[in-house]
Protein backbone atom coordinates (compact mmCIF):
# COMPACT_ATOMS: atom_id res chain seq x y z
CA UNK A 1 0.00 0.00 0.00
CA UNK A 2 1.53 3.32 -1.03
CA UNK A 3 1.51 6.38 1.16
CA UNK A 4 0.91 9.99 0.16
CA UNK A 5 4.56 10.83 -0.60
CA UNK A 6 5.06 7.69 -2.69
CA UNK A 7 1.83 8.42 -4.58
CA UNK A 8 2.86 12.03 -5.23
CA UNK A 9 6.29 10.96 -6.51
CA UNK A 10 4.61 8.54 -8.92
CA UNK A 11 2.08 11.14 -10.07
CA UNK A 12 4.71 13.81 -10.79
CA UNK A 13 7.03 11.41 -12.60
CA UNK A 14 4.18 9.94 -14.62
CA UNK A 15 2.99 13.35 -15.73
CA UNK A 16 6.46 14.62 -16.62
CA UNK A 17 7.94 11.59 -18.40
CA UNK A 18 5.02 9.50 -19.74
CA UNK A 19 7.03 6.41 -18.76
CA UNK A 20 6.87 2.98 -20.35
CA UNK A 21 7.69 1.63 -16.89
CA UNK A 22 7.67 3.33 -13.50
CA UNK A 23 8.30 1.93 -10.05
CA UNK A 24 8.49 4.07 -6.94
CA UNK A 25 9.81 1.88 -4.15
CA UNK A 26 9.64 3.05 -0.56
CA UNK A 27 12.88 1.77 0.99
CA UNK A 28 12.46 3.65 4.27
CA UNK A 29 12.06 0.39 6.20
CA UNK A 30 15.72 -0.37 5.40
CA UNK A 31 16.84 2.71 7.33
CA UNK A 32 16.77 4.02 10.89
CA UNK A 33 13.46 5.82 10.65
CA UNK A 34 10.10 5.39 12.40
CA UNK A 35 7.76 2.69 11.13
CA UNK A 36 5.64 3.73 8.10
CA UNK A 37 8.05 6.53 7.17
CA UNK A 38 8.28 7.85 3.62
CA UNK A 39 11.80 9.23 3.57
CA UNK A 40 13.93 6.93 1.39
CA UNK A 41 12.85 5.99 -2.14
CA UNK A 42 14.14 4.26 -5.23
CA UNK A 43 12.70 5.30 -8.58
CA UNK A 44 12.97 3.04 -11.61
CA UNK A 45 11.75 4.91 -14.66
CA UNK A 46 11.87 4.12 -18.37
CA UNK A 47 11.03 6.86 -20.84
CA UNK A 48 11.66 7.85 -24.45
CA UNK A 49 12.46 11.33 -23.14
CA UNK A 50 15.74 10.01 -21.72
CA UNK A 51 17.00 9.08 -25.21
CA UNK A 52 19.12 12.20 -25.82
CA UNK A 53 20.11 12.74 -22.17
CA UNK A 54 23.25 11.81 -20.28
CA UNK A 55 22.88 9.96 -16.98
CA UNK A 56 23.47 13.22 -15.07
CA UNK A 57 20.86 15.06 -17.17
CA UNK A 58 18.33 12.30 -16.48
CA UNK A 59 18.89 12.59 -12.74
CA UNK A 60 18.56 16.37 -12.90
CA UNK A 61 15.30 16.03 -14.84
CA UNK A 62 13.89 13.61 -12.25
CA UNK A 63 14.93 15.96 -9.44
CA UNK A 64 13.23 18.87 -11.21
CA UNK A 65 10.05 16.83 -11.66
CA UNK A 66 9.73 15.93 -7.99
CA UNK A 67 10.82 19.39 -6.83
CA UNK A 68 9.67 20.36 -3.36
CA UNK A 69 9.39 16.76 -2.18
CA UNK A 70 13.20 16.72 -2.11
CA UNK A 71 13.63 20.30 -0.98
CA UNK A 72 12.34 20.06 2.58
CA UNK A 73 9.32 17.97 1.62
CA UNK A 74 10.26 14.95 3.71
CA UNK A 75 12.19 12.86 1.18
CA UNK A 76 15.67 12.34 2.60
CA UNK A 77 17.09 10.08 -0.12
CA UNK A 78 16.17 9.30 -3.71
CA UNK A 79 17.91 6.59 -5.71
CA UNK A 80 17.26 6.95 -9.45
CA UNK A 81 17.50 4.31 -12.16
CA UNK A 82 16.51 6.16 -15.35
CA UNK A 83 16.64 4.20 -18.60
CA UNK A 84 15.61 4.46 -22.22
CA UNK A 85 13.33 1.67 -23.44
CA UNK A 86 16.25 0.04 -25.28
CA UNK A 87 18.43 0.10 -22.16
CA UNK A 88 15.62 -1.34 -20.06
CA UNK A 89 15.04 -4.10 -22.58
CA UNK A 90 18.74 -4.97 -22.73
CA UNK A 91 18.75 -5.26 -18.91
CA UNK A 92 15.83 -7.66 -19.05
CA UNK A 93 13.92 -5.36 -16.73
CA UNK A 94 16.41 -5.97 -13.92
CA UNK A 95 16.48 -3.51 -11.04
CA UNK A 96 19.82 -2.91 -9.35
CA UNK A 97 19.46 -3.68 -5.62
CA UNK A 98 20.09 -0.90 -3.14
CA UNK A 99 23.08 -1.16 -0.80
CA UNK A 100 22.54 -1.83 2.88
CA UNK A 101 22.03 1.24 5.04
CA UNK A 102 25.20 2.21 6.90
CA UNK A 103 23.91 5.27 8.72
CA UNK A 104 21.93 6.19 11.79
CA UNK A 105 21.63 3.65 14.57
CA UNK A 106 22.63 0.87 12.17
CA UNK A 107 26.15 2.28 11.97
CA UNK A 108 28.74 -0.30 12.96
């Protein structure tokens, strides 16, 4: 079940990029945050609009699309996997796993 921040991320990205594929994954549970938090997300997005863009330009475009949610809107971390349809196809739709959290109270 998605929360309001996750839903808003998906809405903004869907409107901006008309993606072939979009996943907004709330990874907050993997971090030292209260239960049911919406602070750490991974976005997997596939769009034709990424075709002429470098990886950095794609990330900037995603950041622009989600705007205030990153700028004091509660989202602490956003991992972005932005692909063209051809890149996504060549990956077989594989999502790169996120690394283990090494911060907060989980710090060794």
